């Protein structure tokens, strides 16, 4: 579980990114960020399958560590995190600070615009991989 201090700082940063009028959310641009930063390990869409990372269809609103058939870390399975714009942005900025013990090997996405656009792109996919 993240320390309270780290969680508070990450949540504050993520909320500022999500609420900032200077960081517009562009799902089309987010698709390019996904291809560059996420697609090596993750899939979205109707034909998505678990790979090195779990399927990300329907991630917004889903509890962390719950995609069937994916071998999550104990930290992910035990967390009380439900993914929303703020928790996703905080996690994607620095996965290991947000959720110590995660198996996700990713240094983090530091660019506020990239974070906002990526979250907007992921929000488009429902649990079956259809787009909203």
N, C-alpha and C. Protein backbone atom coordinates (compact mmCIF):
# COMPACT_ATOMS: atom_id res chain seq x y z
N UNK A 1 0.85 -1.18 0.00
CA UNK A 1 0.00 0.00 0.00
C UNK A 1 0.89 1.24 0.00
N UNK A 2 0.45 2.28 -0.68
CA UNK A 2 1.25 3.50 -0.69
C UNK A 2 1.20 4.16 0.68
N UNK A 3 2.31 4.84 1.02
CA UNK A 3 2.29 5.58 2.27
C UNK A 3 1.30 6.72 2.13
N UNK A 4 0.76 7.17 3.24
CA UNK A 4 -0.23 8.23 3.21
C UNK A 4 0.34 9.49 2.59
N UNK A 5 1.59 9.81 2.92
CA UNK A 5 2.23 11.02 2.38
C UNK A 5 2.37 10.91 0.86
N UNK A 6 2.87 9.76 0.37
CA UNK A 6 3.03 9.57 -1.08
C UNK A 6 1.70 9.60 -1.80
N UNK A 7 0.71 8.93 -1.21
CA UNK A 7 -0.61 8.90 -1.82
C UNK A 7 -1.21 10.30 -1.89
N UNK A 8 -1.09 11.07 -0.81
CA UNK A 8 -1.62 12.43 -0.79
C UNK A 8 -0.93 13.29 -1.84
N UNK A 9 0.39 13.20 -1.93
CA UNK A 9 1.13 13.99 -2.92
C UNK A 9 0.76 13.57 -4.34
N UNK A 10 0.70 12.28 -4.60
CA UNK A 10 0.35 11.79 -5.93
C UNK A 10 -1.07 12.18 -6.30
N UNK A 11 -1.98 12.07 -5.34
CA UNK A 11 -3.37 12.43 -5.61
C UNK A 11 -3.50 13.91 -5.89
N UNK A 12 -2.78 14.75 -5.14
CA UNK A 12 -2.81 16.18 -5.37
C UNK A 12 -2.31 16.52 -6.77
N UNK A 13 -1.19 15.93 -7.16
CA UNK A 13 -0.62 16.19 -8.49
C UNK A 13 -1.59 15.72 -9.57
N UNK A 14 -2.12 14.53 -9.41
CA UNK A 14 -3.05 13.99 -10.41
C UNK A 14 -4.31 14.84 -10.51
N UNK A 15 -4.83 15.28 -9.38
CA UNK A 15 -6.03 16.13 -9.40
C UNK A 15 -5.74 17.45 -10.09
N UNK A 16 -4.56 17.99 -9.85
CA UNK A 16 -4.19 19.24 -10.50
C UNK A 16 -4.08 19.05 -12.01
N UNK A 17 -3.52 17.93 -12.43
CA UNK A 17 -3.42 17.64 -13.86
C UNK A 17 -4.80 17.49 -14.47
N UNK A 18 -5.65 16.71 -13.83
CA UNK A 18 -6.99 16.44 -14.37
C UNK A 18 -7.86 17.69 -14.39
N UNK A 19 -7.67 18.59 -13.43
CA UNK A 19 -8.53 19.76 -13.32
C UNK A 19 -7.95 20.98 -14.04
N UNK A 20 -6.73 20.89 -14.48
CA UNK A 20 -6.07 22.05 -15.07
C UNK A 20 -6.63 22.38 -16.44
N UNK A 21 -7.10 23.63 -16.62
CA UNK A 21 -7.60 24.01 -17.94
C UNK A 21 -6.49 24.09 -18.97
N UNK A 22 -5.23 24.18 -18.51
CA UNK A 22 -4.12 24.27 -19.45
C UNK A 22 -3.74 22.90 -20.00
N UNK A 23 -4.30 21.82 -19.43
CA UNK A 23 -4.00 20.48 -19.90
C UNK A 23 -5.29 19.88 -20.48
N UNK A 24 -5.53 20.16 -21.74
CA UNK A 24 -6.71 19.62 -22.41
C UNK A 24 -6.53 18.12 -22.62
N UNK A 25 -7.61 17.40 -22.57
CA UNK A 25 -7.54 15.95 -22.77
C UNK A 25 -7.91 15.62 -24.21
N UNK A 26 -6.99 14.98 -24.91
CA UNK A 26 -7.16 14.63 -26.31
C UNK A 26 -6.97 13.12 -26.45
N UNK A 27 -8.09 12.39 -26.54
CA UNK A 27 -8.02 10.92 -26.62
C UNK A 27 -7.28 10.45 -27.86
N UNK A 28 -7.39 11.18 -28.96
CA UNK A 28 -6.67 10.81 -30.18
C UNK A 28 -5.16 10.87 -29.96
N UNK A 29 -4.71 11.92 -29.29
CA UNK A 29 -3.29 12.03 -28.96
C UNK A 29 -2.92 10.97 -27.92
N UNK A 30 -3.87 10.66 -27.02
CA UNK A 30 -3.65 9.62 -26.02
C UNK A 30 -3.40 8.26 -26.65
N UNK A 31 -4.03 8.00 -27.79
CA UNK A 31 -3.78 6.74 -28.49
C UNK A 31 -2.31 6.64 -28.90
N UNK A 32 -1.74 7.75 -29.34
CA UNK A 32 -0.32 7.74 -29.72
C UNK A 32 0.57 7.54 -28.50
N UNK A 33 0.19 8.16 -27.38
CA UNK A 33 0.94 7.95 -26.13
C UNK A 33 0.85 6.48 -25.72
N UNK A 34 -0.34 5.89 -25.83
CA UNK A 34 -0.52 4.48 -25.50
C UNK A 34 0.39 3.61 -26.36
N UNK A 35 0.40 3.85 -27.66
CA UNK A 35 1.24 3.05 -28.56
C UNK A 35 2.71 3.16 -28.19
N UNK A 36 3.14 4.34 -27.82
CA UNK A 36 4.54 4.59 -27.49
C UNK A 36 4.92 4.06 -26.11
N UNK A 37 4.03 4.23 -25.13
CA UNK A 37 4.41 3.97 -23.74
C UNK A 37 3.81 2.70 -23.14
N UNK A 38 2.72 2.18 -23.72
CA UNK A 38 1.98 1.10 -23.04
C UNK A 38 1.82 -0.17 -23.86
N UNK A 39 1.73 -0.04 -25.19
CA UNK A 39 1.34 -1.15 -26.05
C UNK A 39 2.34 -2.31 -26.05
N UNK A 40 3.54 -2.09 -25.60
CA UNK A 40 4.50 -3.19 -25.52
C UNK A 40 4.01 -4.25 -24.53
N UNK A 41 3.31 -3.80 -23.48
CA UNK A 41 2.87 -4.72 -22.42
C UNK A 41 1.36 -4.88 -22.30
N UNK A 42 0.59 -3.91 -22.78
CA UNK A 42 -0.86 -3.90 -22.57
C UNK A 42 -1.63 -3.83 -23.88
N UNK A 43 -2.88 -4.28 -23.84
CA UNK A 43 -3.77 -4.20 -25.00
C UNK A 43 -5.10 -3.58 -24.57
N UNK A 44 -5.77 -2.95 -25.55
CA UNK A 44 -7.15 -2.48 -25.40
C UNK A 44 -7.89 -2.85 -26.67
N UNK A 45 -9.21 -2.86 -26.58
CA UNK A 45 -10.02 -3.17 -27.75
C UNK A 45 -10.66 -4.54 -27.66
N UNK A 46 -11.55 -4.85 -28.61
CA UNK A 46 -12.32 -6.10 -28.55
C UNK A 46 -11.47 -7.37 -28.56
N UNK A 47 -10.32 -7.36 -29.19
CA UNK A 47 -9.47 -8.55 -29.27
C UNK A 47 -8.35 -8.56 -28.22
N UNK A 48 -8.42 -7.65 -27.26
CA UNK A 48 -7.35 -7.52 -26.27
C UNK A 48 -7.21 -8.78 -25.43
N UNK A 49 -5.95 -9.09 -25.11
CA UNK A 49 -5.62 -10.23 -24.26
C UNK A 49 -4.58 -9.78 -23.25
N UNK A 50 -4.53 -10.48 -22.12
CA UNK A 50 -3.46 -10.22 -21.15
C UNK A 50 -2.14 -10.56 -21.81
N UNK A 51 -1.17 -9.72 -21.57
CA UNK A 51 0.19 -9.95 -22.06
C UNK A 51 1.12 -9.86 -20.86
N UNK A 52 2.20 -9.12 -20.98
CA UNK A 52 3.07 -8.88 -19.83
C UNK A 52 2.28 -8.12 -18.77
N UNK A 53 1.39 -7.24 -19.22
CA UNK A 53 0.47 -6.52 -18.35
C UNK A 53 -0.96 -6.91 -18.67
N UNK A 54 -1.89 -6.57 -17.78
CA UNK A 54 -3.29 -6.95 -18.00
C UNK A 54 -3.96 -6.12 -19.08
N UNK A 55 -5.06 -6.63 -19.60
CA UNK A 55 -5.93 -5.89 -20.52
C UNK A 55 -6.38 -4.63 -19.80
N UNK A 56 -6.42 -3.52 -20.53
CA UNK A 56 -6.83 -2.25 -19.92
C UNK A 56 -8.24 -1.82 -20.29
N UNK A 57 -8.99 -2.69 -20.95
CA UNK A 57 -10.39 -2.38 -21.25
C UNK A 57 -11.15 -2.15 -19.94
N UNK A 58 -11.95 -1.10 -19.90
CA UNK A 58 -12.79 -0.84 -18.73
C UNK A 58 -12.03 -0.52 -17.47
N UNK A 59 -10.80 -0.02 -17.60
CA UNK A 59 -10.00 0.23 -16.41
C UNK A 59 -10.60 1.32 -15.53
N UNK A 60 -11.21 2.34 -16.13
CA UNK A 60 -11.80 3.41 -15.33
C UNK A 60 -13.03 2.85 -14.62
N UNK A 61 -13.01 2.91 -13.30
CA UNK A 61 -14.09 2.38 -12.48
C UNK A 61 -13.84 0.97 -11.96
N UNK A 62 -12.76 0.34 -12.40
CA UNK A 62 -12.45 -1.03 -11.99
C UNK A 62 -11.50 -1.02 -10.79
N UNK A 63 -11.66 -1.97 -9.91
CA UNK A 63 -10.75 -2.13 -8.77
C UNK A 63 -9.42 -2.69 -9.29
N UNK A 64 -8.33 -2.18 -8.75
CA UNK A 64 -7.00 -2.65 -9.13
C UNK A 64 -6.85 -4.13 -8.83
N UNK A 65 -6.11 -4.82 -9.69
CA UNK A 65 -5.78 -6.23 -9.45
C UNK A 65 -6.90 -7.22 -9.68
N UNK A 66 -7.84 -6.90 -10.59
CA UNK A 66 -9.01 -7.77 -10.72
C UNK A 66 -9.27 -8.33 -12.12
N UNK A 67 -8.38 -8.14 -13.08
CA UNK A 67 -8.60 -8.73 -14.41
C UNK A 67 -8.37 -10.23 -14.31
N UNK A 68 -9.36 -10.99 -14.72
CA UNK A 68 -9.30 -12.46 -14.64
C UNK A 68 -8.10 -12.99 -15.42
N UNK A 69 -7.42 -13.94 -14.83
CA UNK A 69 -6.34 -14.63 -15.51
C UNK A 69 -5.01 -13.91 -15.50
N UNK A 70 -4.92 -12.73 -14.88
CA UNK A 70 -3.64 -12.03 -14.85
C UNK A 70 -3.00 -12.21 -13.47
N UNK A 71 -1.70 -12.58 -13.44
CA UNK A 71 -1.02 -12.82 -12.16
C UNK A 71 -0.50 -11.52 -11.51
N UNK A 72 -1.40 -10.82 -10.86
CA UNK A 72 -1.03 -9.55 -10.22
C UNK A 72 -0.11 -9.77 -9.02
N UNK A 73 0.60 -8.71 -8.67
CA UNK A 73 1.40 -8.72 -7.45
C UNK A 73 0.45 -8.71 -6.25
N UNK A 74 0.93 -9.19 -5.11
CA UNK A 74 0.11 -9.10 -3.90
C UNK A 74 -0.29 -7.64 -3.60
N UNK A 75 0.60 -6.70 -3.86
CA UNK A 75 0.29 -5.29 -3.61
C UNK A 75 -0.93 -4.84 -4.42
N UNK A 76 -1.00 -5.25 -5.67
CA UNK A 76 -2.14 -4.88 -6.52
C UNK A 76 -3.42 -5.59 -6.07
N UNK A 77 -3.31 -6.88 -5.80
CA UNK A 77 -4.50 -7.65 -5.39
C UNK A 77 -5.08 -7.14 -4.07
N UNK A 78 -4.23 -6.73 -3.15
CA UNK A 78 -4.68 -6.30 -1.82
C UNK A 78 -5.07 -4.83 -1.75
N UNK A 79 -4.75 -4.06 -2.76
CA UNK A 79 -5.01 -2.62 -2.69
C UNK A 79 -6.51 -2.35 -2.73
N UNK A 80 -6.88 -1.20 -2.23
CA UNK A 80 -8.27 -0.76 -2.26
C UNK A 80 -8.49 0.26 -3.38
N UNK A 81 -7.52 0.37 -4.28
CA UNK A 81 -7.59 1.37 -5.35
C UNK A 81 -8.68 1.00 -6.35
N UNK A 82 -9.51 1.97 -6.67
CA UNK A 82 -10.44 1.87 -7.79
C UNK A 82 -9.96 2.92 -8.78
N UNK A 83 -9.70 2.49 -10.00
CA UNK A 83 -9.10 3.38 -10.99
C UNK A 83 -10.09 4.45 -11.46
N UNK A 84 -9.66 5.69 -11.34
CA UNK A 84 -10.37 6.84 -11.91
C UNK A 84 -9.30 7.73 -12.53
N UNK A 85 -9.69 8.88 -13.05
CA UNK A 85 -8.72 9.76 -13.71
C UNK A 85 -7.55 10.10 -12.79
N UNK A 86 -7.85 10.41 -11.54
CA UNK A 86 -6.82 10.83 -10.61
C UNK A 86 -5.89 9.68 -10.20
N UNK A 87 -6.45 8.52 -9.87
CA UNK A 87 -5.60 7.41 -9.44
C UNK A 87 -4.77 6.89 -10.62
N UNK A 88 -5.35 6.86 -11.81
CA UNK A 88 -4.57 6.44 -12.98
C UNK A 88 -3.42 7.38 -13.25
N UNK A 89 -3.69 8.69 -13.21
CA UNK A 89 -2.62 9.66 -13.47
C UNK A 89 -1.52 9.54 -12.43
N UNK A 90 -1.88 9.38 -11.16
CA UNK A 90 -0.87 9.25 -10.11
C UNK A 90 -0.06 7.97 -10.30
N UNK A 91 -0.72 6.87 -10.62
CA UNK A 91 -0.03 5.59 -10.82
C UNK A 91 0.88 5.66 -12.04
N UNK A 92 0.37 6.20 -13.13
CA UNK A 92 1.16 6.24 -14.36
C UNK A 92 2.33 7.21 -14.26
N UNK A 93 2.23 8.20 -13.40
CA UNK A 93 3.34 9.13 -13.18
C UNK A 93 4.50 8.42 -12.49
N UNK A 94 4.19 7.57 -11.50
CA UNK A 94 5.24 6.88 -10.75
C UNK A 94 4.64 5.63 -10.10
N UNK A 95 4.55 4.53 -10.87
CA UNK A 95 3.87 3.34 -10.37
C UNK A 95 4.40 2.81 -9.04
N UNK A 96 5.69 2.79 -8.87
CA UNK A 96 6.27 2.19 -7.66
C UNK A 96 6.11 3.07 -6.43
N UNK A 97 6.02 4.38 -6.62
CA UNK A 97 5.74 5.26 -5.48
C UNK A 97 4.27 5.17 -5.10
N UNK A 98 3.40 5.09 -6.10
CA UNK A 98 1.96 5.01 -5.83
C UNK A 98 1.58 3.68 -5.19
N UNK A 99 2.16 2.59 -5.70
CA UNK A 99 1.81 1.26 -5.20
C UNK A 99 3.09 0.45 -4.99
N UNK A 100 3.78 0.68 -3.86
CA UNK A 100 5.00 -0.11 -3.60
C UNK A 100 4.70 -1.60 -3.66
N UNK A 101 5.57 -2.32 -4.34
CA UNK A 101 5.38 -3.76 -4.50
C UNK A 101 4.72 -4.14 -5.81
N UNK A 102 4.31 -3.15 -6.62
CA UNK A 102 3.73 -3.46 -7.92
C UNK A 102 4.77 -4.17 -8.78
N UNK A 103 4.30 -5.00 -9.69
CA UNK A 103 5.21 -5.67 -10.63
C UNK A 103 5.39 -4.86 -11.90
N UNK A 104 4.65 -3.78 -12.03
CA UNK A 104 4.76 -2.99 -13.25
C UNK A 104 6.13 -2.33 -13.31
N UNK A 105 6.88 -2.71 -14.33
CA UNK A 105 8.22 -2.18 -14.51
C UNK A 105 8.12 -1.05 -15.54
N UNK A 106 7.94 0.14 -15.03
CA UNK A 106 7.77 1.30 -15.89
C UNK A 106 8.23 2.51 -15.09
N UNK A 107 9.10 3.32 -15.66
CA UNK A 107 9.68 4.46 -14.95
C UNK A 107 8.64 5.53 -14.66
N UNK A 108 7.60 5.61 -15.46
CA UNK A 108 6.57 6.61 -15.24
C UNK A 108 6.48 7.58 -16.39
N UNK A 109 5.33 8.17 -16.52
CA UNK A 109 5.04 9.14 -17.56
C UNK A 109 5.01 10.50 -16.88
N UNK A 110 5.95 11.36 -17.17
CA UNK A 110 6.12 12.61 -16.43
C UNK A 110 5.41 13.81 -17.05
N UNK A 111 5.11 13.74 -18.34
CA UNK A 111 4.52 14.87 -19.04
C UNK A 111 3.03 14.97 -18.73
N UNK A 112 2.60 16.11 -18.18
CA UNK A 112 1.20 16.29 -17.78
C UNK A 112 0.23 16.11 -18.94
N UNK A 113 0.58 16.64 -20.09
CA UNK A 113 -0.31 16.51 -21.25
C UNK A 113 -0.43 15.05 -21.68
N UNK A 114 0.69 14.34 -21.72
CA UNK A 114 0.66 12.93 -22.07
C UNK A 114 -0.21 12.14 -21.10
N UNK A 115 -0.07 12.43 -19.81
CA UNK A 115 -0.89 11.74 -18.79
C UNK A 115 -2.37 11.99 -19.02
N UNK A 116 -2.74 13.25 -19.20
CA UNK A 116 -4.15 13.60 -19.39
C UNK A 116 -4.71 12.94 -20.65
N UNK A 117 -3.93 12.97 -21.73
CA UNK A 117 -4.38 12.39 -22.99
C UNK A 117 -4.49 10.87 -22.90
N UNK A 118 -3.54 10.24 -22.25
CA UNK A 118 -3.57 8.78 -22.10
C UNK A 118 -4.79 8.35 -21.28
N UNK A 119 -5.06 9.04 -20.20
CA UNK A 119 -6.22 8.70 -19.37
C UNK A 119 -7.51 8.90 -20.18
N UNK A 120 -7.58 9.97 -20.96
CA UNK A 120 -8.76 10.20 -21.81
C UNK A 120 -8.93 9.06 -22.81
N UNK A 121 -7.84 8.57 -23.37
CA UNK A 121 -7.90 7.45 -24.31
C UNK A 121 -8.38 6.17 -23.61
N UNK A 122 -7.81 5.85 -22.46
CA UNK A 122 -8.21 4.64 -21.73
C UNK A 122 -9.67 4.70 -21.30
N UNK A 123 -10.14 5.87 -20.96
CA UNK A 123 -11.53 6.05 -20.52
C UNK A 123 -12.51 5.67 -21.62
N UNK A 124 -12.09 5.70 -22.86
CA UNK A 124 -12.97 5.40 -24.00
C UNK A 124 -13.40 3.93 -24.05
N UNK A 125 -12.64 3.02 -23.45
CA UNK A 125 -12.89 1.59 -23.60
C UNK A 125 -13.74 1.03 -22.47
N UNK A 126 -14.83 0.36 -22.85
CA UNK A 126 -15.64 -0.33 -21.84
C UNK A 126 -15.02 -1.69 -21.57
N UNK A 127 -15.61 -2.44 -20.65
CA UNK A 127 -15.02 -3.72 -20.21
C UNK A 127 -14.87 -4.74 -21.34
N UNK A 128 -15.71 -4.65 -22.37
CA UNK A 128 -15.63 -5.58 -23.50
C UNK A 128 -14.68 -5.08 -24.60
N UNK A 129 -14.14 -3.89 -24.41
CA UNK A 129 -13.24 -3.34 -25.42
C UNK A 129 -13.91 -2.46 -26.44
N UNK A 130 -15.23 -2.28 -26.30
CA UNK A 130 -15.92 -1.36 -27.17
C UNK A 130 -15.59 0.07 -26.77
N UNK A 131 -15.80 0.99 -27.69
CA UNK A 131 -15.51 2.39 -27.36
C UNK A 131 -16.79 3.12 -27.02
N UNK A 132 -16.63 4.06 -26.12
CA UNK A 132 -17.76 4.86 -25.67
C UNK A 132 -17.81 6.17 -26.41
